[in-house]
N, C-alpha and C. Protein backbone atom coordinates (compact mmCIF):
# COMPACT_ATOMS: atom_id res chain seq x y z
N MET A 1 38.91 -92.21 190.58
CA MET A 1 38.86 -91.16 188.81
C MET A 1 40.38 -90.48 189.15
N ASN A 2 40.86 -90.53 190.16
CA ASN A 2 42.18 -89.94 189.68
C ASN A 2 43.32 -90.45 188.58
N GLN A 3 43.84 -89.62 187.82
CA GLN A 3 44.40 -90.19 186.60
C GLN A 3 46.00 -89.76 187.31
N ASP A 4 47.27 -90.48 186.55
CA ASP A 4 48.14 -90.18 186.71
C ASP A 4 48.64 -89.55 185.41
N ILE A 5 48.83 -88.43 185.46
CA ILE A 5 49.66 -87.64 184.37
C ILE A 5 50.89 -87.49 184.47
N ALA A 6 51.66 -87.57 183.05
CA ALA A 6 52.63 -87.46 183.42
C ALA A 6 53.36 -86.00 183.52
N GLY A 7 54.35 -85.51 184.00
CA GLY A 7 54.68 -84.66 183.84
C GLY A 7 54.04 -83.09 185.17
N ILE A 8 52.89 -84.12 185.72
CA ILE A 8 51.88 -83.48 186.86
C ILE A 8 52.16 -83.74 188.71
N SER A 9 52.91 -82.88 189.08
CA SER A 9 52.82 -83.35 190.44
C SER A 9 51.78 -83.38 191.07
N THR A 10 52.21 -84.25 192.15
CA THR A 10 50.89 -84.66 193.34
C THR A 10 50.61 -84.41 194.13
N ASN A 11 51.94 -83.66 194.53
CA ASN A 11 51.90 -82.93 195.45
C ASN A 11 51.06 -81.38 195.57
N LEU A 12 50.10 -81.83 196.46
CA LEU A 12 49.33 -80.55 196.68
C LEU A 12 49.39 -79.84 198.20
N ASP A 13 50.69 -79.86 198.36
CA ASP A 13 50.87 -79.09 199.65
C ASP A 13 51.27 -77.87 199.70
N THR A 14 51.63 -77.25 197.83
CA THR A 14 51.88 -76.12 198.32
C THR A 14 50.30 -75.46 198.16
N THR A 15 50.62 -74.27 199.02
CA THR A 15 49.53 -73.71 199.01
C THR A 15 50.15 -72.57 199.04
N VAL A 16 48.88 -71.47 198.24
CA VAL A 16 49.21 -69.55 197.89
C VAL A 16 48.95 -68.51 199.32
N LYS A 17 49.99 -68.19 199.44
CA LYS A 17 49.78 -67.19 200.72
C LYS A 17 48.81 -65.68 200.08
N ALA A 18 48.18 -65.41 201.23
CA ALA A 18 46.83 -64.61 200.93
C ALA A 18 47.67 -63.47 200.03
N GLN A 19 48.56 -62.80 200.63
CA GLN A 19 49.58 -61.96 199.57
C GLN A 19 49.39 -62.14 198.22
N GLN A 20 50.34 -63.34 197.50
CA GLN A 20 50.75 -64.29 196.35
C GLN A 20 48.99 -64.07 195.78
N PHE A 21 47.93 -64.37 196.57
CA PHE A 21 46.45 -64.43 195.81
C PHE A 21 46.07 -63.06 195.40
N ASP A 22 46.29 -61.93 196.62
CA ASP A 22 45.78 -60.91 196.09
C ASP A 22 46.44 -60.42 194.98
N LYS A 23 47.86 -60.74 194.36
CA LYS A 23 48.37 -60.07 193.16
C LYS A 23 47.90 -60.31 192.41
N VAL A 24 47.30 -62.10 192.00
CA VAL A 24 47.01 -62.98 190.76
C VAL A 24 45.67 -62.29 190.61
N VAL A 25 44.89 -61.73 191.87
CA VAL A 25 43.49 -60.93 191.60
C VAL A 25 43.39 -59.82 190.99
N GLU A 26 44.54 -59.07 191.31
CA GLU A 26 44.97 -57.70 190.83
C GLU A 26 45.13 -57.65 189.35
N ALA A 27 46.05 -58.86 189.09
CA ALA A 27 46.25 -58.85 187.39
C ALA A 27 45.34 -59.13 186.65
N ILE A 28 44.37 -59.79 187.34
CA ILE A 28 42.81 -60.04 186.44
C ILE A 28 41.97 -59.22 186.62
N ILE A 29 42.15 -58.31 187.67
CA ILE A 29 41.00 -57.14 187.30
C ILE A 29 41.76 -56.19 186.54
N ALA A 30 43.08 -56.06 186.37
CA ALA A 30 43.51 -54.97 185.42
C ALA A 30 43.84 -55.83 183.93
N GLY A 31 42.99 -57.14 183.94
CA GLY A 31 42.85 -57.49 182.67
C GLY A 31 44.43 -58.13 182.01
N LYS A 32 45.33 -58.36 183.12
CA LYS A 32 46.16 -58.97 182.76
C LYS A 32 46.25 -60.35 183.01
N TYR A 33 45.48 -61.11 182.02
CA TYR A 33 45.61 -62.79 181.93
C TYR A 33 46.91 -63.32 182.49
N SER A 34 47.35 -63.34 180.96
CA SER A 34 49.27 -63.56 181.19
C SER A 34 49.41 -63.28 182.12
N TRP A 35 49.79 -62.20 182.68
CA TRP A 35 50.79 -62.15 184.19
C TRP A 35 50.19 -62.93 185.38
N ALA A 36 48.94 -63.13 184.99
CA ALA A 36 48.15 -63.68 186.30
C ALA A 36 48.55 -65.21 186.04
N CYS A 37 48.65 -66.10 184.87
CA CYS A 37 49.03 -67.40 184.74
C CYS A 37 50.83 -67.44 185.33
N VAL A 38 51.14 -66.43 184.83
CA VAL A 38 53.23 -66.62 185.04
C VAL A 38 52.54 -66.72 186.93
N LEU A 39 51.66 -65.69 187.42
CA LEU A 39 52.35 -65.46 188.88
C LEU A 39 51.92 -67.06 189.73
N MET A 40 50.57 -67.43 188.83
CA MET A 40 50.15 -68.38 189.28
C MET A 40 50.58 -69.77 189.06
N LEU A 41 51.51 -70.00 188.32
CA LEU A 41 52.72 -70.86 187.94
C LEU A 41 54.06 -70.39 189.20
N ARG A 42 54.07 -69.53 189.20
CA ARG A 42 54.88 -69.36 189.99
C ARG A 42 55.03 -69.45 191.55
N PHE A 43 53.62 -69.33 191.77
CA PHE A 43 53.42 -68.86 193.67
C PHE A 43 53.27 -70.62 193.35
N ALA A 44 52.55 -71.46 192.56
CA ALA A 44 52.29 -72.77 192.76
C ALA A 44 53.56 -73.30 192.96
N GLY A 45 55.30 -73.16 192.29
CA GLY A 45 56.32 -73.90 192.43
C GLY A 45 56.63 -74.28 190.98
N TYR A 46 55.96 -73.57 190.07
CA TYR A 46 56.22 -73.95 188.54
C TYR A 46 57.25 -73.27 188.05
N ASN A 47 58.07 -73.67 186.98
CA ASN A 47 58.36 -72.68 186.16
C ASN A 47 58.00 -71.95 184.72
N PRO A 48 57.80 -71.04 184.85
CA PRO A 48 56.90 -70.18 183.94
C PRO A 48 56.88 -70.44 182.74
N LEU A 49 58.30 -70.73 182.18
CA LEU A 49 59.95 -71.12 181.21
C LEU A 49 59.04 -72.34 180.41
N HIS A 50 58.60 -73.21 181.27
CA HIS A 50 57.88 -75.05 181.12
C HIS A 50 56.92 -74.86 180.23
N TYR A 51 56.15 -73.65 180.46
CA TYR A 51 54.51 -73.54 179.79
C TYR A 51 54.68 -72.27 179.06
N ILE A 52 55.50 -71.28 178.73
CA ILE A 52 55.26 -70.30 178.16
C ILE A 52 56.59 -69.57 177.27
N PRO A 53 56.16 -69.46 176.11
CA PRO A 53 57.90 -69.30 175.68
C PRO A 53 58.34 -68.16 176.11
N TYR A 54 59.97 -68.21 175.74
CA TYR A 54 61.06 -67.89 176.43
C TYR A 54 60.30 -66.17 176.24
N ARG A 55 60.49 -65.64 174.73
CA ARG A 55 60.09 -64.01 174.78
C ARG A 55 59.10 -63.58 175.20
N THR A 56 57.88 -64.33 175.27
CA THR A 56 56.36 -63.47 175.69
C THR A 56 56.82 -63.66 177.28
N TYR A 57 57.69 -64.43 177.67
CA TYR A 57 57.89 -64.56 179.41
C TYR A 57 58.49 -63.48 179.79
N ASN A 58 60.01 -62.77 178.89
CA ASN A 58 60.49 -62.11 179.15
C ASN A 58 59.67 -60.63 178.83
N ARG A 59 58.82 -60.64 177.85
CA ARG A 59 58.02 -59.81 177.64
C ARG A 59 57.22 -59.03 178.77
N LEU A 60 56.54 -60.13 179.02
CA LEU A 60 55.59 -59.89 180.44
C LEU A 60 56.16 -59.59 181.94
N LEU A 61 57.08 -60.37 181.76
CA LEU A 61 58.01 -59.93 183.19
C LEU A 61 58.97 -57.92 182.80
N LYS A 62 58.93 -57.72 181.50
CA LYS A 62 59.37 -56.19 181.32
C LYS A 62 58.39 -55.09 181.91
N GLU A 63 57.44 -55.50 181.30
CA GLU A 63 55.93 -54.47 181.57
C GLU A 63 55.51 -54.72 182.59
N ASN A 64 55.76 -56.30 183.49
CA ASN A 64 54.93 -56.05 184.80
C ASN A 64 55.64 -55.14 185.92
N SER A 65 57.33 -55.27 185.64
CA SER A 65 58.68 -54.75 186.31
C SER A 65 58.46 -53.71 186.23
N GLN A 66 58.08 -52.65 185.10
CA GLN A 66 57.87 -51.45 184.83
C GLN A 66 56.61 -51.07 185.71
N THR A 67 55.95 -51.53 185.64
CA THR A 67 54.40 -51.38 186.44
C THR A 67 54.99 -51.40 188.09
N ASN A 68 55.32 -52.19 188.30
CA ASN A 68 55.66 -52.30 189.62
C ASN A 68 56.64 -51.09 190.44
N ARG A 69 57.55 -51.15 189.31
CA ARG A 69 58.80 -49.99 189.65
C ARG A 69 57.59 -48.49 189.89
N THR A 70 57.04 -48.37 188.89
CA THR A 70 56.13 -46.96 188.70
C THR A 70 55.30 -46.94 190.35
N LYS A 71 54.43 -47.69 190.27
CA LYS A 71 53.91 -47.91 191.64
C LYS A 71 54.31 -47.66 192.75
N GLN A 72 55.89 -48.36 193.03
CA GLN A 72 56.67 -47.94 194.17
C GLN A 72 57.41 -46.38 194.08
N GLN A 73 57.53 -46.13 192.90
CA GLN A 73 57.96 -44.69 192.44
C GLN A 73 56.84 -43.84 193.25
N GLN A 74 55.70 -44.00 193.15
CA GLN A 74 54.43 -43.43 193.08
C GLN A 74 54.39 -43.05 195.25
N SER A 75 54.24 -44.32 195.45
CA SER A 75 54.01 -44.18 196.64
C SER A 75 55.69 -44.07 197.39
N GLU A 76 56.27 -43.99 196.83
CA GLU A 76 57.79 -42.88 197.41
C GLU A 76 57.96 -41.55 197.75
N ASN A 77 57.35 -41.18 196.50
CA ASN A 77 57.05 -39.96 196.34
C ASN A 77 55.89 -39.54 197.21
N LEU A 78 54.76 -40.28 197.24
CA LEU A 78 53.86 -39.68 198.30
C LEU A 78 54.35 -39.66 199.87
N LYS A 79 55.14 -40.36 200.03
CA LYS A 79 55.61 -40.85 201.34
C LYS A 79 55.81 -39.71 201.78
N MET A 80 57.58 -39.38 200.91
CA MET A 80 58.10 -37.96 201.04
C MET A 80 57.61 -37.05 200.93
N LEU A 81 56.06 -36.28 200.26
CA LEU A 81 55.44 -35.00 200.37
C LEU A 81 54.81 -35.14 201.39
N LYS A 82 54.06 -36.36 202.23
CA LYS A 82 53.56 -36.24 203.80
C LYS A 82 54.57 -35.81 204.69
N ASP A 83 55.60 -36.65 204.48
CA ASP A 83 56.64 -36.03 205.41
C ASP A 83 57.36 -34.83 205.47
N SER A 84 57.42 -33.96 204.30
CA SER A 84 58.04 -32.86 204.14
C SER A 84 56.83 -31.84 203.97
N ARG A 85 55.71 -32.34 204.40
CA ARG A 85 54.70 -31.03 204.47
C ARG A 85 54.77 -30.70 205.90
N PRO A 86 54.43 -29.20 206.61
CA PRO A 86 54.41 -29.43 207.72
C PRO A 86 52.61 -29.50 208.22
N ALA A 87 53.12 -29.67 209.23
CA ALA A 87 51.95 -30.25 210.22
C ALA A 87 50.83 -29.32 210.01
N TYR A 88 51.04 -27.54 210.19
CA TYR A 88 50.13 -26.70 209.94
C TYR A 88 50.61 -25.44 209.02
N LEU A 89 49.59 -24.60 208.27
CA LEU A 89 50.28 -23.70 207.72
C LEU A 89 49.89 -22.13 208.12
N GLU A 90 50.87 -21.50 208.11
CA GLU A 90 50.07 -20.14 208.91
C GLU A 90 50.28 -18.95 207.78
N VAL A 91 49.08 -18.48 207.56
CA VAL A 91 49.01 -17.23 206.75
C VAL A 91 50.09 -15.87 207.81
N VAL A 92 51.05 -15.70 206.24
CA VAL A 92 51.66 -14.52 206.79
C VAL A 92 51.50 -13.10 205.63
N GLY A 93 50.96 -11.91 205.87
CA GLY A 93 50.87 -11.15 204.82
C GLY A 93 50.39 -9.76 205.75
N LYS A 94 50.25 -9.16 205.08
CA LYS A 94 50.02 -7.71 205.20
C LYS A 94 48.35 -7.08 205.47
N GLN A 95 48.04 -7.13 206.90
CA GLN A 95 46.60 -6.99 206.59
C GLN A 95 46.15 -5.62 206.19
N LYS A 96 45.41 -5.05 205.72
CA LYS A 96 44.92 -3.85 204.90
C LYS A 96 44.04 -3.17 205.99
N PRO A 97 44.22 -1.74 205.76
CA PRO A 97 43.05 -1.29 206.96
C PRO A 97 41.68 -1.06 205.88
N GLU A 98 41.10 -0.93 207.09
CA GLU A 98 39.25 -1.03 207.07
C GLU A 98 39.42 0.39 205.98
N GLY A 99 38.14 -0.34 205.11
CA GLY A 99 37.60 0.73 204.24
C GLY A 99 38.28 0.49 202.59
N SER A 100 39.54 -0.04 202.67
CA SER A 100 40.29 -0.28 201.83
C SER A 100 39.76 -1.46 200.92
N GLN A 101 39.82 -1.46 199.18
CA GLN A 101 39.50 -2.71 198.90
C GLN A 101 40.05 -2.48 197.46
N ASP A 102 40.20 -4.03 197.53
CA ASP A 102 41.01 -4.31 196.04
C ASP A 102 40.19 -4.85 194.98
N ILE A 103 39.76 -3.81 194.29
CA ILE A 103 39.12 -4.07 192.93
C ILE A 103 38.55 -4.97 192.13
N SER A 104 40.28 -5.04 191.92
CA SER A 104 40.66 -5.99 190.95
C SER A 104 40.29 -7.57 191.03
N LEU A 105 40.04 -7.62 192.62
CA LEU A 105 39.80 -9.02 193.03
C LEU A 105 38.49 -9.42 192.92
N LYS A 106 37.89 -8.47 193.57
CA LYS A 106 36.40 -7.90 193.45
C LYS A 106 35.79 -7.92 192.18
N ARG A 107 36.38 -7.57 191.04
CA ARG A 107 35.70 -7.70 189.76
C ARG A 107 35.72 -9.68 189.17
N CYS A 108 36.58 -10.17 189.77
CA CYS A 108 37.05 -11.74 189.50
C CYS A 108 35.82 -12.52 190.28
N GLY A 109 35.14 -11.81 191.35
CA GLY A 109 34.79 -12.43 192.41
C GLY A 109 35.08 -13.33 193.46
N VAL A 110 36.60 -13.00 193.63
CA VAL A 110 37.40 -13.59 194.57
C VAL A 110 38.38 -12.59 195.73
N ASN A 111 37.65 -12.77 196.45
CA ASN A 111 38.07 -12.07 198.04
C ASN A 111 37.62 -12.68 199.17
């Protein structure tokens, strides 16, 4: 029942790696079905421009490269934040003598 369709490669040796498959699944979950198609074509070894209009392909690349850059920037910022935080915090301040109360804070319910 196998048909030889012109233009379709019969080489089924190309496999999608787990990381690549995860990217496709993430795109589908995010509702980016066109981007998922582009990724599948790329990972299968096809040129997406043979199947998708040039303008659409460029728009998808632009939109998703911005998303990837934003994610990378956020992860870098989090990493820098974690690296710059001290391992512990030390409370430094004056102690109040016994019996003195801060009335303004007590009224707010903070003390």
